[in-house]
């Protein structure tokens, strides 16, 4: 987001965030929720959703995003995510789960960056 804000302005950065959220919402069920968690980070909660199903949802989101990018965008849209599964009665608190998801998201982001050649 910083690159978009720096090169195209904060209004374009806000548009970028809205487009990504719109894309995310298209794939979520009524029971799911999405909340802004930081500057360009969002927390998505998928109740009664296994890890395989969640992975499939995010894979479809990424496919849609790539399709949007192929339509001649000024700047490419992208996102990274970290999946964490929790069950009722698990001992971990929400802060620990969010920290683990954040760690996994950054690992994915680094992996994507390396595939693109360090961009």
PDB file of N, CA and C in Angstrom:
ATOM      1  N   UNK A   1       0.825  -1.198   0.000  1.00  0.00           N
ATOM      2  CA  UNK A   1       0.000   0.000   0.000  1.00  0.00           C
ATOM      3  C   UNK A   1       0.863   1.253   0.000  1.00  0.00           C
ATOM      4  N   UNK A   2       1.990   1.194   0.677  1.00  0.00           N
ATOM      5  CA  UNK A   2       2.875   2.355   0.728  1.00  0.00           C
ATOM      6  C   UNK A   2       3.312   2.765  -0.675  1.00  0.00           C
ATOM      7  N   UNK A   3       3.644   1.790  -1.509  1.00  0.00           N
ATOM      8  CA  UNK A   3       4.083   2.090  -2.873  1.00  0.00           C
ATOM      9  C   UNK A   3       2.961   2.778  -3.653  1.00  0.00           C
ATOM     10  N   UNK A   4       1.732   2.282  -3.502  1.00  0.00           N
ATOM     11  CA  UNK A   4       0.591   2.896  -4.187  1.00  0.00           C
ATOM     12  C   UNK A   4       0.388   4.317  -3.674  1.00  0.00           C
ATOM     13  N   UNK A   5       0.392   4.494  -2.346  1.00  0.00           N
ATOM     14  CA  UNK A   5       0.213   5.832  -1.766  1.00  0.00           C
ATOM     15  C   UNK A   5       1.304   6.788  -2.239  1.00  0.00           C
ATOM     16  N   UNK A   6       2.551   6.327  -2.230  1.00  0.00           N
ATOM     17  CA  UNK A   6       3.674   7.188  -2.619  1.00  0.00           C
ATOM     18  C   UNK A   6       3.637   7.565  -4.098  1.00  0.00           C
ATOM     19  N   UNK A   7       3.262   6.619  -4.949  1.00  0.00           N
ATOM     20  CA  UNK A   7       3.294   6.859  -6.393  1.00  0.00           C
ATOM     21  C   UNK A   7       2.016   7.460  -6.967  1.00  0.00           C
ATOM     22  N   UNK A   8       0.876   7.150  -6.351  1.00  0.00           N
ATOM     23  CA  UNK A   8      -0.396   7.572  -6.929  1.00  0.00           C
ATOM     24  C   UNK A   8      -1.249   8.415  -5.982  1.00  0.00           C
ATOM     25  N   UNK A   9      -0.845   8.539  -4.722  1.00  0.00           N
ATOM     26  CA  UNK A   9      -1.596   9.336  -3.761  1.00  0.00           C
ATOM     27  C   UNK A   9      -2.479   8.487  -2.855  1.00  0.00           C
ATOM     28  N   UNK A  10      -2.845   9.073  -1.728  1.00  0.00           N
ATOM     29  CA  UNK A  10      -3.633   8.351  -0.724  1.00  0.00           C
ATOM     30  C   UNK A  10      -5.048   8.036  -1.206  1.00  0.00           C
ATOM     31  N   UNK A  11      -5.600   8.872  -2.042  1.00  0.00           N
ATOM     32  CA  UNK A  11      -6.944   8.589  -2.569  1.00  0.00           C
ATOM     33  C   UNK A  11      -6.916   7.301  -3.392  1.00  0.00           C
ATOM     34  N   UNK A  12      -5.884   7.134  -4.190  1.00  0.00           N
ATOM     35  CA  UNK A  12      -5.741   5.908  -4.977  1.00  0.00           C
ATOM     36  C   UNK A  12      -5.495   4.722  -4.047  1.00  0.00           C
ATOM     37  N   UNK A  13      -4.710   4.932  -2.988  1.00  0.00           N
ATOM     38  CA  UNK A  13      -4.497   3.877  -1.999  1.00  0.00           C
ATOM     39  C   UNK A  13      -5.799   3.452  -1.340  1.00  0.00           C
ATOM     40  N   UNK A  14      -6.654   4.425  -1.025  1.00  0.00           N
ATOM     41  CA  UNK A  14      -7.967   4.109  -0.447  1.00  0.00           C
ATOM     42  C   UNK A  14      -8.824   3.334  -1.445  1.00  0.00           C
ATOM     43  N   UNK A  15      -8.761   3.737  -2.719  1.00  0.00           N
ATOM     44  CA  UNK A  15      -9.498   3.006  -3.760  1.00  0.00           C
ATOM     45  C   UNK A  15      -9.002   1.565  -3.849  1.00  0.00           C
ATOM     46  N   UNK A  16      -7.693   1.399  -3.760  1.00  0.00           N
ATOM     47  CA  UNK A  16      -7.059   0.076  -3.775  1.00  0.00           C
ATOM     48  C   UNK A  16      -7.643  -0.792  -2.661  1.00  0.00           C
ATOM     49  N   UNK A  17      -7.679  -0.249  -1.433  1.00  0.00           N
ATOM     50  CA  UNK A  17      -8.221  -1.000  -0.298  1.00  0.00           C
ATOM     51  C   UNK A  17      -9.684  -1.368  -0.530  1.00  0.00           C
ATOM     52  N   UNK A  18     -10.469  -0.430  -1.033  1.00  0.00           N
ATOM     53  CA  UNK A  18     -11.887  -0.712  -1.288  1.00  0.00           C
ATOM     54  C   UNK A  18     -12.048  -1.826  -2.322  1.00  0.00           C
ATOM     55  N   UNK A  19     -11.232  -1.805  -3.357  1.00  0.00           N
ATOM     56  CA  UNK A  19     -11.318  -2.852  -4.384  1.00  0.00           C
ATOM     57  C   UNK A  19     -10.983  -4.224  -3.812  1.00  0.00           C
ATOM     58  N   UNK A  20      -9.950  -4.285  -2.988  1.00  0.00           N
ATOM     59  CA  UNK A  20      -9.568  -5.565  -2.386  1.00  0.00           C
ATOM     60  C   UNK A  20     -10.675  -6.058  -1.460  1.00  0.00           C
ATOM     61  N   UNK A  21     -11.247  -5.172  -0.643  1.00  0.00           N
ATOM     62  CA  UNK A  21     -12.322  -5.573   0.271  1.00  0.00           C
ATOM     63  C   UNK A  21     -13.548  -6.036  -0.518  1.00  0.00           C
ATOM     64  N   UNK A  22     -13.882  -5.342  -1.587  1.00  0.00           N
ATOM     65  CA  UNK A  22     -15.010  -5.753  -2.423  1.00  0.00           C
ATOM     66  C   UNK A  22     -14.771  -7.153  -2.973  1.00  0.00           C
ATOM     67  N   UNK A  23     -13.560  -7.406  -3.424  1.00  0.00           N
ATOM     68  CA  UNK A  23     -13.201  -8.729  -3.926  1.00  0.00           C
ATOM     69  C   UNK A  23     -13.340  -9.775  -2.818  1.00  0.00           C
ATOM     70  N   UNK A  24     -12.811  -9.480  -1.639  1.00  0.00           N
ATOM     71  CA  UNK A  24     -12.898 -10.422  -0.528  1.00  0.00           C
ATOM     72  C   UNK A  24     -14.351 -10.730  -0.198  1.00  0.00           C
ATOM     73  N   UNK A  25     -15.162  -9.707  -0.098  1.00  0.00           N
ATOM     74  CA  UNK A  25     -16.569  -9.893   0.285  1.00  0.00           C
ATOM     75  C   UNK A  25     -17.328 -10.754  -0.717  1.00  0.00           C
ATOM     76  N   UNK A  26     -16.973 -10.683  -1.990  1.00  0.00           N
ATOM     77  CA  UNK A  26     -17.660 -11.498  -3.003  1.00  0.00           C
ATOM     78  C   UNK A  26     -17.516 -12.986  -2.716  1.00  0.00           C
ATOM     79  N   UNK A  27     -16.474 -13.358  -2.022  1.00  0.00           N
ATOM     80  CA  UNK A  27     -16.206 -14.776  -1.771  1.00  0.00           C
ATOM     81  C   UNK A  27     -16.611 -15.231  -0.372  1.00  0.00           C
ATOM     82  N   UNK A  28     -17.038 -14.308   0.465  1.00  0.00           N
ATOM     83  CA  UNK A  28     -17.380 -14.662   1.839  1.00  0.00           C
ATOM     84  C   UNK A  28     -18.858 -15.013   1.970  1.00  0.00           C
ATOM     85  N   UNK A  29     -19.139 -15.861   2.945  1.00  0.00           N
ATOM     86  CA  UNK A  29     -20.516 -16.239   3.242  1.00  0.00           C
ATOM     87  C   UNK A  29     -21.127 -15.194   4.183  1.00  0.00           C
ATOM     88  N   UNK A  30     -22.435 -15.249   4.356  1.00  0.00           N
ATOM     89  CA  UNK A  30     -23.102 -14.310   5.266  1.00  0.00           C
ATOM     90  C   UNK A  30     -22.599 -14.459   6.693  1.00  0.00           C
ATOM     91  N   UNK A  31     -22.198 -15.653   7.068  1.00  0.00           N
ATOM     92  CA  UNK A  31     -21.731 -15.897   8.438  1.00  0.00           C
ATOM     93  C   UNK A  31     -20.295 -15.433   8.666  1.00  0.00           C
ATOM     94  N   UNK A  32     -19.567 -15.125   7.607  1.00  0.00           N
ATOM     95  CA  UNK A  32     -18.171 -14.697   7.717  1.00  0.00           C
ATOM     96  C   UNK A  32     -18.107 -13.204   8.030  1.00  0.00           C
ATOM     97  N   UNK A  33     -16.978 -12.777   8.549  1.00  0.00           N
ATOM     98  CA  UNK A  33     -16.812 -11.342   8.816  1.00  0.00           C
ATOM     99  C   UNK A  33     -15.420 -10.893   8.393  1.00  0.00           C
ATOM    100  N   UNK A  34     -15.347  -9.620   8.030  1.00  0.00           N
ATOM    101  CA  UNK A  34     -14.078  -9.006   7.661  1.00  0.00           C
ATOM    102  C   UNK A  34     -13.999  -7.661   8.367  1.00  0.00           C
ATOM    103  N   UNK A  35     -12.849  -7.392   8.971  1.00  0.00           N
ATOM    104  CA  UNK A  35     -12.633  -6.134   9.690  1.00  0.00           C
ATOM    105  C   UNK A  35     -11.241  -5.618   9.381  1.00  0.00           C
ATOM    106  N   UNK A  36     -11.132  -4.314   9.248  1.00  0.00           N
ATOM    107  CA  UNK A  36      -9.811  -3.714   9.066  1.00  0.00           C
ATOM    108  C   UNK A  36      -9.072  -3.827  10.387  1.00  0.00           C
ATOM    109  N   UNK A  37      -7.842  -4.330  10.311  1.00  0.00           N
ATOM    110  CA  UNK A  37      -7.082  -4.629  11.523  1.00  0.00           C
ATOM    111  C   UNK A  37      -5.853  -3.742  11.650  1.00  0.00           C
ATOM    112  N   UNK A  38      -5.460  -3.117  10.584  1.00  0.00           N
ATOM    113  CA  UNK A  38      -4.295  -2.237  10.569  1.00  0.00           C
ATOM    114  C   UNK A  38      -4.365  -1.400   9.317  1.00  0.00           C
ATOM    115  N   UNK A  39      -3.296  -0.719   8.988  1.00  0.00           N
ATOM    116  CA  UNK A  39      -3.286   0.137   7.809  1.00  0.00           C
ATOM    117  C   UNK A  39      -3.762  -0.566   6.561  1.00  0.00           C
ATOM    118  N   UNK A  40      -3.153  -1.692   6.239  1.00  0.00           N
ATOM    119  CA  UNK A  40      -3.562  -2.453   5.060  1.00  0.00           C
ATOM    120  C   UNK A  40      -3.788  -3.915   5.417  1.00  0.00           C
ATOM    121  N   UNK A  41      -4.115  -4.165   6.666  1.00  0.00           N
ATOM    122  CA  UNK A  41      -4.361  -5.532   7.123  1.00  0.00           C
ATOM    123  C   UNK A  41      -5.816  -5.693   7.539  1.00  0.00           C
ATOM    124  N   UNK A  42      -6.346  -6.875   7.233  1.00  0.00           N
ATOM    125  CA  UNK A  42      -7.727  -7.188   7.558  1.00  0.00           C
ATOM    126  C   UNK A  42      -7.773  -8.525   8.271  1.00  0.00           C
ATOM    127  N   UNK A  43      -8.728  -8.653   9.158  1.00  0.00           N
ATOM    128  CA  UNK A  43      -8.964  -9.898   9.869  1.00  0.00           C
ATOM    129  C   UNK A  43     -10.239 -10.496   9.286  1.00  0.00           C
ATOM    130  N   UNK A  44     -10.135 -11.710   8.763  1.00  0.00           N
ATOM    131  CA  UNK A  44     -11.288 -12.397   8.185  1.00  0.00           C
ATOM    132  C   UNK A  44     -11.581 -13.602   9.066  1.00  0.00           C
ATOM    133  N   UNK A  45     -12.816 -13.695   9.530  1.00  0.00           N
ATOM    134  CA  UNK A  45     -13.223 -14.824  10.369  1.00  0.00           C
ATOM    135  C   UNK A  45     -14.222 -15.655   9.582  1.00  0.00           C
ATOM    136  N   UNK A  46     -13.902 -16.947   9.454  1.00  0.00           N
ATOM    137  CA  UNK A  46     -14.719 -17.891   8.697  1.00  0.00           C
ATOM    138  C   UNK A  46     -15.219 -18.971   9.655  1.00  0.00           C
ATOM    139  N   UNK A  47     -16.340 -18.743  10.338  1.00  0.00           N
ATOM    140  CA  UNK A  47     -16.820 -19.752  11.288  1.00  0.00           C
ATOM    141  C   UNK A  47     -17.246 -21.036  10.570  1.00  0.00           C
ATOM    142  N   UNK A  48     -17.062 -22.147  11.244  1.00  0.00           N
ATOM    143  CA  UNK A  48     -17.445 -23.453  10.696  1.00  0.00           C
ATOM    144  C   UNK A  48     -16.839 -23.692   9.317  1.00  0.00           C
ATOM    145  N   UNK A  49     -15.564 -23.386   9.198  1.00  0.00           N
ATOM    146  CA  UNK A  49     -14.859 -23.533   7.926  1.00  0.00           C
ATOM    147  C   UNK A  49     -13.521 -24.210   8.205  1.00  0.00           C
ATOM    148  N   UNK A  50     -13.302 -25.353   7.602  1.00  0.00           N
ATOM    149  CA  UNK A  50     -12.039 -26.051   7.776  1.00  0.00           C
ATOM    150  C   UNK A  50     -10.920 -25.377   7.005  1.00  0.00           C
ATOM    151  N   UNK A  51      -9.703 -25.780   7.310  1.00  0.00           N
ATOM    152  CA  UNK A  51      -8.542 -25.157   6.681  1.00  0.00           C
ATOM    153  C   UNK A  51      -8.524 -25.370   5.164  1.00  0.00           C
ATOM    154  N   UNK A  52      -8.912 -26.552   4.716  1.00  0.00           N
ATOM    155  CA  UNK A  52      -8.927 -26.837   3.277  1.00  0.00           C
ATOM    156  C   UNK A  52      -9.940 -25.945   2.552  1.00  0.00           C
ATOM    157  N   UNK A  53     -11.122 -25.787   3.137  1.00  0.00           N
ATOM    158  CA  UNK A  53     -12.143 -24.923   2.536  1.00  0.00           C
ATOM    159  C   UNK A  53     -11.683 -23.464   2.539  1.00  0.00           C
ATOM    160  N   UNK A  54     -11.077 -23.027   3.647  1.00  0.00           N
ATOM    161  CA  UNK A  54     -10.570 -21.650   3.734  1.00  0.00           C
ATOM    162  C   UNK A  54      -9.496 -21.418   2.673  1.00  0.00           C
ATOM    163  N   UNK A  55      -8.602 -22.382   2.505  1.00  0.00           N
ATOM    164  CA  UNK A  55      -7.555 -22.267   1.488  1.00  0.00           C
ATOM    165  C   UNK A  55      -8.171 -22.145   0.099  1.00  0.00           C
ATOM    166  N   UNK A  56      -9.219 -22.908  -0.147  1.00  0.00           N
ATOM    167  CA  UNK A  56      -9.908 -22.855  -1.433  1.00  0.00           C
ATOM    168  C   UNK A  56     -10.545 -21.481  -1.661  1.00  0.00           C
ATOM    169  N   UNK A  57     -11.149 -20.916  -0.627  1.00  0.00           N
ATOM    170  CA  UNK A  57     -11.760 -19.584  -0.721  1.00  0.00           C
ATOM    171  C   UNK A  57     -10.704 -18.551  -1.093  1.00  0.00           C
ATOM    172  N   UNK A  58      -9.576 -18.567  -0.385  1.00  0.00           N
ATOM    173  CA  UNK A  58      -8.531 -17.579  -0.657  1.00  0.00           C
ATOM    174  C   UNK A  58      -7.863 -17.812  -2.014  1.00  0.00           C
ATOM    175  N   UNK A  59      -7.777 -19.053  -2.449  1.00  0.00           N
ATOM    176  CA  UNK A  59      -7.233 -19.334  -3.786  1.00  0.00           C
ATOM    177  C   UNK A  59      -8.129 -18.740  -4.865  1.00  0.00           C
ATOM    178  N   UNK A  60      -9.449 -18.873  -4.696  1.00  0.00           N
ATOM    179  CA  UNK A  60     -10.384 -18.277  -5.662  1.00  0.00           C
ATOM    180  C   UNK A  60     -10.280 -16.757  -5.640  1.00  0.00           C
ATOM    181  N   UNK A  61     -10.091 -16.180  -4.460  1.00  0.00           N
ATOM    182  CA  UNK A  61      -9.909 -14.728  -4.363  1.00  0.00           C
ATOM    183  C   UNK A  61      -8.674 -14.291  -5.151  1.00  0.00           C
ATOM    184  N   UNK A  62      -7.581 -15.029  -4.993  1.00  0.00           N
ATOM    185  CA  UNK A  62      -6.352 -14.693  -5.713  1.00  0.00           C
ATOM    186  C   UNK A  62      -6.534 -14.818  -7.224  1.00  0.00           C
ATOM    187  N   UNK A  63      -7.274 -15.838  -7.661  1.00  0.00           N
ATOM    188  CA  UNK A  63      -7.542 -15.996  -9.095  1.00  0.00           C
ATOM    189  C   UNK A  63      -8.326 -14.800  -9.627  1.00  0.00           C
ATOM    190  N   UNK A  64      -9.341 -14.365  -8.881  1.00  0.00           N
ATOM    191  CA  UNK A  64     -10.122 -13.193  -9.293  1.00  0.00           C
ATOM    192  C   UNK A  64      -9.252 -11.946  -9.343  1.00  0.00           C
ATOM    193  N   UNK A  65      -8.372 -11.820  -8.382  1.00  0.00           N
ATOM    194  CA  UNK A  65      -7.486 -10.660  -8.329  1.00  0.00           C
ATOM    195  C   UNK A  65      -6.566 -10.636  -9.545  1.00  0.00           C
ATOM    196  N   UNK A  66      -6.018 -11.783  -9.909  1.00  0.00           N
ATOM    197  CA  UNK A  66      -5.148 -11.853 -11.083  1.00  0.00           C
ATOM    198  C   UNK A  66      -5.927 -11.513 -12.352  1.00  0.00           C
ATOM    199  N   UNK A  67      -7.168 -11.948 -12.405  1.00  0.00           N
ATOM    200  CA  UNK A  67      -8.019 -11.618 -13.549  1.00  0.00           C
ATOM    201  C   UNK A  67      -8.240 -10.110 -13.635  1.00  0.00           C
ATOM    202  N   UNK A  68      -8.479  -9.467 -12.497  1.00  0.00           N
ATOM    203  CA  UNK A  68      -8.637  -8.011 -12.463  1.00  0.00           C
ATOM    204  C   UNK A  68      -7.352  -7.329 -12.934  1.00  0.00           C
ATOM    205  N   UNK A  69      -6.209  -7.841 -12.515  1.00  0.00           N
ATOM    206  CA  UNK A  69      -4.923  -7.240 -12.884  1.00  0.00           C
ATOM    207  C   UNK A  69      -4.647  -7.344 -14.381  1.00  0.00           C
ATOM    208  N   UNK A  70      -5.133  -8.387 -15.016  1.00  0.00           N
ATOM    209  CA  UNK A  70      -4.899  -8.571 -16.454  1.00  0.00           C
ATOM    210  C   UNK A  70      -5.719  -7.601 -17.301  1.00  0.00           C
ATOM    211  N   UNK A  71      -6.648  -6.906 -16.682  1.00  0.00           N
ATOM    212  CA  UNK A  71      -7.499  -5.970 -17.430  1.00  0.00           C
ATOM    213  C   UNK A  71      -6.868  -4.587 -17.551  1.00  0.00           C
ATOM    214  N   UNK A  72      -5.545  -4.502 -17.511  1.00  0.00           N
ATOM    215  CA  UNK A  72      -4.859  -3.243 -17.759  1.00  0.00           C
ATOM    216  C   UNK A  72      -4.902  -2.248 -16.616  1.00  0.00           C
ATOM    217  N   UNK A  73      -4.605  -2.675 -15.437  1.00  0.00           N
ATOM    218  CA  UNK A  73      -4.599  -1.799 -14.266  1.00  0.00           C
ATOM    219  C   UNK A  73      -3.352  -0.914 -14.272  1.00  0.00           C
ATOM    220  N   UNK A  74      -3.473   0.271 -13.695  1.00  0.00           N
ATOM    221  CA  UNK A  74      -2.326   1.163 -13.527  1.00  0.00           C
ATOM    222  C   UNK A  74      -1.343   0.564 -12.535  1.00  0.00           C
ATOM    223  N   UNK A  75      -1.856  -0.065 -11.508  1.00  0.00           N
ATOM    224  CA  UNK A  75      -1.038  -0.703 -10.474  1.00  0.00           C
ATOM    225  C   UNK A  75      -1.686  -2.045 -10.165  1.00  0.00           C
ATOM    226  N   UNK A  76      -0.900  -3.078  -9.952  1.00  0.00           N
ATOM    227  CA  UNK A  76      -1.478  -4.397  -9.684  1.00  0.00           C
ATOM    228  C   UNK A  76      -2.010  -4.508  -8.259  1.00  0.00           C
ATOM    229  N   UNK A  77      -3.147  -5.165  -8.116  1.00  0.00           N
ATOM    230  CA  UNK A  77      -3.698  -5.478  -6.803  1.00  0.00           C
ATOM    231  C   UNK A  77      -3.114  -6.801  -6.341  1.00  0.00           C
ATOM    232  N   UNK A  78      -2.854  -6.922  -5.058  1.00  0.00           N
ATOM    233  CA  UNK A  78      -2.375  -8.186  -4.505  1.00  0.00           C
ATOM    234  C   UNK A  78      -2.743  -8.248  -3.034  1.00  0.00           C
ATOM    235  N   UNK A  79      -2.699  -9.446  -2.485  1.00  0.00           N
ATOM    236  CA  UNK A  79      -2.849  -9.604  -1.048  1.00  0.00           C
ATOM    237  C   UNK A  79      -2.168 -10.887  -0.616  1.00  0.00           C
ATOM    238  N   UNK A  80      -1.818 -10.930   0.637  1.00  0.00           N
ATOM    239  CA  UNK A  80      -1.252 -12.126   1.253  1.00  0.00           C
ATOM    240  C   UNK A  80      -2.095 -12.439   2.477  1.00  0.00           C
ATOM    241  N   UNK A  81      -2.089 -13.681   2.879  1.00  0.00           N
ATOM    242  CA  UNK A  81      -2.911 -14.072   4.026  1.00  0.00           C
ATOM    243  C   UNK A  81      -2.210 -15.149   4.837  1.00  0.00           C
ATOM    244  N   UNK A  82      -2.619 -15.262   6.079  1.00  0.00           N
ATOM    245  CA  UNK A  82      -2.127 -16.311   6.961  1.00  0.00           C
ATOM    246  C   UNK A  82      -3.316 -17.018   7.573  1.00  0.00           C
ATOM    247  N   UNK A  83      -3.443 -18.303   7.331  1.00  0.00           N
ATOM    248  CA  UNK A  83      -4.577 -19.063   7.850  1.00  0.00           C
ATOM    249  C   UNK A  83      -4.244 -19.688   9.193  1.00  0.00           C
ATOM    250  N   UNK A  84      -5.202 -19.588  10.105  1.00  0.00           N
ATOM    251  CA  UNK A  84      -5.107 -20.243  11.404  1.00  0.00           C
ATOM    252  C   UNK A  84      -6.471 -20.843  11.692  1.00  0.00           C
ATOM    253  N   UNK A  85      -6.483 -22.094  12.105  1.00  0.00           N
ATOM    254  CA  UNK A  85      -7.742 -22.745  12.439  1.00  0.00           C
ATOM    255  C   UNK A  85      -7.844 -22.873  13.947  1.00  0.00           C
ATOM    256  N   UNK A  86      -9.021 -22.561  14.481  1.00  0.00           N
ATOM    257  CA  UNK A  86      -9.267 -22.687  15.918  1.00  0.00           C
ATOM    258  C   UNK A  86     -10.592 -23.411  16.121  1.00  0.00           C
ATOM    259  N   UNK A  87     -10.632 -24.205  17.129  1.00  0.00           N
ATOM    260  CA  UNK A  87     -11.841 -24.946  17.485  1.00  0.00           C
ATOM    261  C   UNK A  87     -12.318 -24.485  18.853  1.00  0.00           C
ATOM    262  N   UNK A  88     -13.605 -24.617  19.101  1.00  0.00           N
ATOM    263  CA  UNK A  88     -14.141 -24.298  20.424  1.00  0.00           C
ATOM    264  C   UNK A  88     -13.401 -25.137  21.458  1.00  0.00           C
ATOM    265  N   UNK A  89     -13.000 -24.510  22.528  1.00  0.00           N
ATOM    266  CA  UNK A  89     -12.286 -25.220  23.578  1.00  0.00           C
ATOM    267  C   UNK A  89     -10.779 -25.211  23.418  1.00  0.00           C
ATOM    268  N   UNK A  90     -10.266 -24.672  22.303  1.00  0.00           N
ATOM    269  CA  UNK A  90      -8.816 -24.559  22.140  1.00  0.00           C
ATOM    270  C   UNK A  90      -8.250 -23.672  23.238  1.00  0.00           C
ATOM    271  N   UNK A  91      -7.039 -23.958  23.639  1.00  0.00           N
ATOM    272  CA  UNK A  91      -6.409 -23.232  24.739  1.00  0.00           C
ATOM    273  C   UNK A  91      -5.849 -21.878  24.330  1.00  0.00           C
ATOM    274  N   UNK A  92      -5.592 -21.673  23.039  1.00  0.00           N
ATOM    275  CA  UNK A  92      -4.972 -20.422  22.605  1.00  0.00           C
ATOM    276  C   UNK A  92      -5.972 -19.273  22.643  1.00  0.00           C
ATOM    277  N   UNK A  93      -5.495 -18.107  23.083  1.00  0.00           N
ATOM    278  CA  UNK A  93      -6.365 -16.936  23.096  1.00  0.00           C
ATOM    279  C   UNK A  93      -6.326 -16.251  21.732  1.00  0.00           C
ATOM    280  N   UNK A  94      -7.234 -15.313  21.528  1.00  0.00           N
ATOM    281  CA  UNK A  94      -7.361 -14.656  20.230  1.00  0.00           C
ATOM    282  C   UNK A  94      -6.082 -13.923  19.840  1.00  0.00           C
ATOM    283  N   UNK A  95      -5.395 -13.332  20.812  1.00  0.00           N
ATOM    284  CA  UNK A  95      -4.149 -12.612  20.507  1.00  0.00           C
ATOM    285  C   UNK A  95      -3.092 -13.552  19.938  1.00  0.00           C
ATOM    286  N   UNK A  96      -2.992 -14.744  20.500  1.00  0.00           N
ATOM    287  CA  UNK A  96      -2.024 -15.729  20.004  1.00  0.00           C
ATOM    288  C   UNK A  96      -2.382 -16.195  18.595  1.00  0.00           C
ATOM    289  N   UNK A  97      -3.670 -16.388  18.351  1.00  0.00           N
ATOM    290  CA  UNK A  97      -4.115 -16.816  17.024  1.00  0.00           C
ATOM    291  C   UNK A  97      -3.839 -15.740  15.978  1.00  0.00           C
ATOM    292  N   UNK A  98      -4.099 -14.487  16.341  1.00  0.00           N
ATOM    293  CA  UNK A  98      -3.845 -13.382  15.410  1.00  0.00           C
ATOM    294  C   UNK A  98      -2.348 -13.252  15.143  1.00  0.00           C
ATOM    295  N   UNK A  99      -1.535 -13.404  16.188  1.00  0.00           N
ATOM    296  CA  UNK A  99      -0.080 -13.323  16.011  1.00  0.00           C
ATOM    297  C   UNK A  99       0.411 -14.424  15.067  1.00  0.00           C
ATOM    298  N   UNK A 100      -0.126 -15.624  15.206  1.00  0.00           N
ATOM    299  CA  UNK A 100       0.258 -16.731  14.329  1.00  0.00           C
ATOM    300  C   UNK A 100      -0.190 -16.468  12.884  1.00  0.00           C
ATOM    301  N   UNK A 101      -1.408 -15.978  12.710  1.00  0.00           N
ATOM    302  CA  UNK A 101      -1.894 -15.646  11.366  1.00  0.00           C
ATOM    303  C   UNK A 101      -1.027 -14.559  10.743  1.00  0.00           C
ATOM    304  N   UNK A 102      -0.648 -13.566  11.542  1.00  0.00           N
ATOM    305  CA  UNK A 102       0.199 -12.472  11.062  1.00  0.00           C
ATOM    306  C   UNK A 102       1.562 -13.000  10.615  1.00  0.00           C
ATOM    307  N   UNK A 103       2.129 -13.891  11.406  1.00  0.00           N
ATOM    308  CA  UNK A 103       3.421 -14.495  11.062  1.00  0.00           C
ATOM    309  C   UNK A 103       3.323 -15.265   9.743  1.00  0.00           C
ATOM    310  N   UNK A 104       2.266 -16.039   9.592  1.00  0.00           N
ATOM    311  CA  UNK A 104       2.079 -16.815   8.358  1.00  0.00           C
ATOM    312  C   UNK A 104       1.851 -15.905   7.151  1.00  0.00           C
ATOM    313  N   UNK A 105       1.138 -14.807   7.376  1.00  0.00           N
ATOM    314  CA  UNK A 105       0.901 -13.858   6.292  1.00  0.00           C
ATOM    315  C   UNK A 105       2.209 -13.239   5.822  1.00  0.00           C
ATOM    316  N   UNK A 106       3.068 -12.857   6.753  1.00  0.00           N
ATOM    317  CA  UNK A 106       4.353 -12.271   6.369  1.00  0.00           C
ATOM    318  C   UNK A 106       5.247 -13.283   5.668  1.00  0.00           C
ATOM    319  N   UNK A 107       5.191 -14.541   6.068  1.00  0.00           N
ATOM    320  CA  UNK A 107       5.953 -15.579   5.368  1.00  0.00           C
ATOM    321  C   UNK A 107       5.472 -15.713   3.923  1.00  0.00           C
ATOM    322  N   UNK A 108       4.160 -15.681   3.730  1.00  0.00           N
ATOM    323  CA  UNK A 108       3.621 -15.769   2.377  1.00  0.00           C
ATOM    324  C   UNK A 108       4.012 -14.543   1.558  1.00  0.00           C
ATOM    325  N   UNK A 109       3.954 -13.382   2.185  1.00  0.00           N
ATOM    326  CA  UNK A 109       4.318 -12.137   1.497  1.00  0.00           C
ATOM    327  C   UNK A 109       5.775 -12.190   1.043  1.00  0.00           C
ATOM    328  N   UNK A 110       6.662 -12.663   1.906  1.00  0.00           N
ATOM    329  CA  UNK A 110       8.084 -12.794   1.550  1.00  0.00           C
ATOM    330  C   UNK A 110       8.280 -13.793   0.417  1.00  0.00           C
ATOM    331  N   UNK A 111       7.556 -14.894   0.477  1.00  0.00           N
ATOM    332  CA  UNK A 111       7.650 -15.909  -0.571  1.00  0.00           C
ATOM    333  C   UNK A 111       7.230 -15.326  -1.919  1.00  0.00           C
ATOM    334  N   UNK A 112       6.142 -14.564  -1.937  1.00  0.00           N
ATOM    335  CA  UNK A 112       5.687 -13.926  -3.180  1.00  0.00           C
ATOM    336  C   UNK A 112       6.707 -12.909  -3.672  1.00  0.00           C
ATOM    337  N   UNK A 113       7.282 -12.163  -2.748  1.00  0.00           N
ATOM    338  CA  UNK A 113       8.274 -11.142  -3.109  1.00  0.00           C
ATOM    339  C   UNK A 113       9.487 -11.799  -3.767  1.00  0.00           C
ATOM    340  N   UNK A 114       9.933 -12.920  -3.220  1.00  0.00           N
ATOM    341  CA  UNK A 114      11.090 -13.628  -3.786  1.00  0.00           C
ATOM    342  C   UNK A 114      10.778 -14.168  -5.176  1.00  0.00           C
ATOM    343  N   UNK A 115       9.547 -14.657  -5.375  1.00  0.00           N
ATOM    344  CA  UNK A 115       9.156 -15.169  -6.690  1.00  0.00           C
ATOM    345  C   UNK A 115       9.140 -14.068  -7.737  1.00  0.00           C
ATOM    346  N   UNK A 116       8.815 -12.839  -7.309  1.00  0.00           N
ATOM    347  CA  UNK A 116       8.781 -11.707  -8.240  1.00  0.00           C
ATOM    348  C   UNK A 116      10.153 -11.085  -8.424  1.00  0.00           C
ATOM    349  N   UNK A 117      11.140 -11.600  -7.745  1.00  0.00           N
ATOM    350  CA  UNK A 117      12.490 -11.062  -7.884  1.00  0.00           C
ATOM    351  C   UNK A 117      12.798  -9.923  -6.940  1.00  0.00           C
ATOM    352  N   UNK A 118      12.205  -9.963  -5.748  1.00  0.00           N
ATOM    353  CA  UNK A 118      12.554  -8.978  -4.730  1.00  0.00           C
ATOM    354  C   UNK A 118      11.780  -7.690  -4.778  1.00  0.00           C
ATOM    355  N   UNK A 119      10.759  -7.624  -5.572  1.00  0.00           N
ATOM    356  CA  UNK A 119       9.961  -6.394  -5.672  1.00  0.00           C
ATOM    357  C   UNK A 119       9.099  -6.255  -4.440  1.00  0.00           C
TER     358      UNK A 119
END
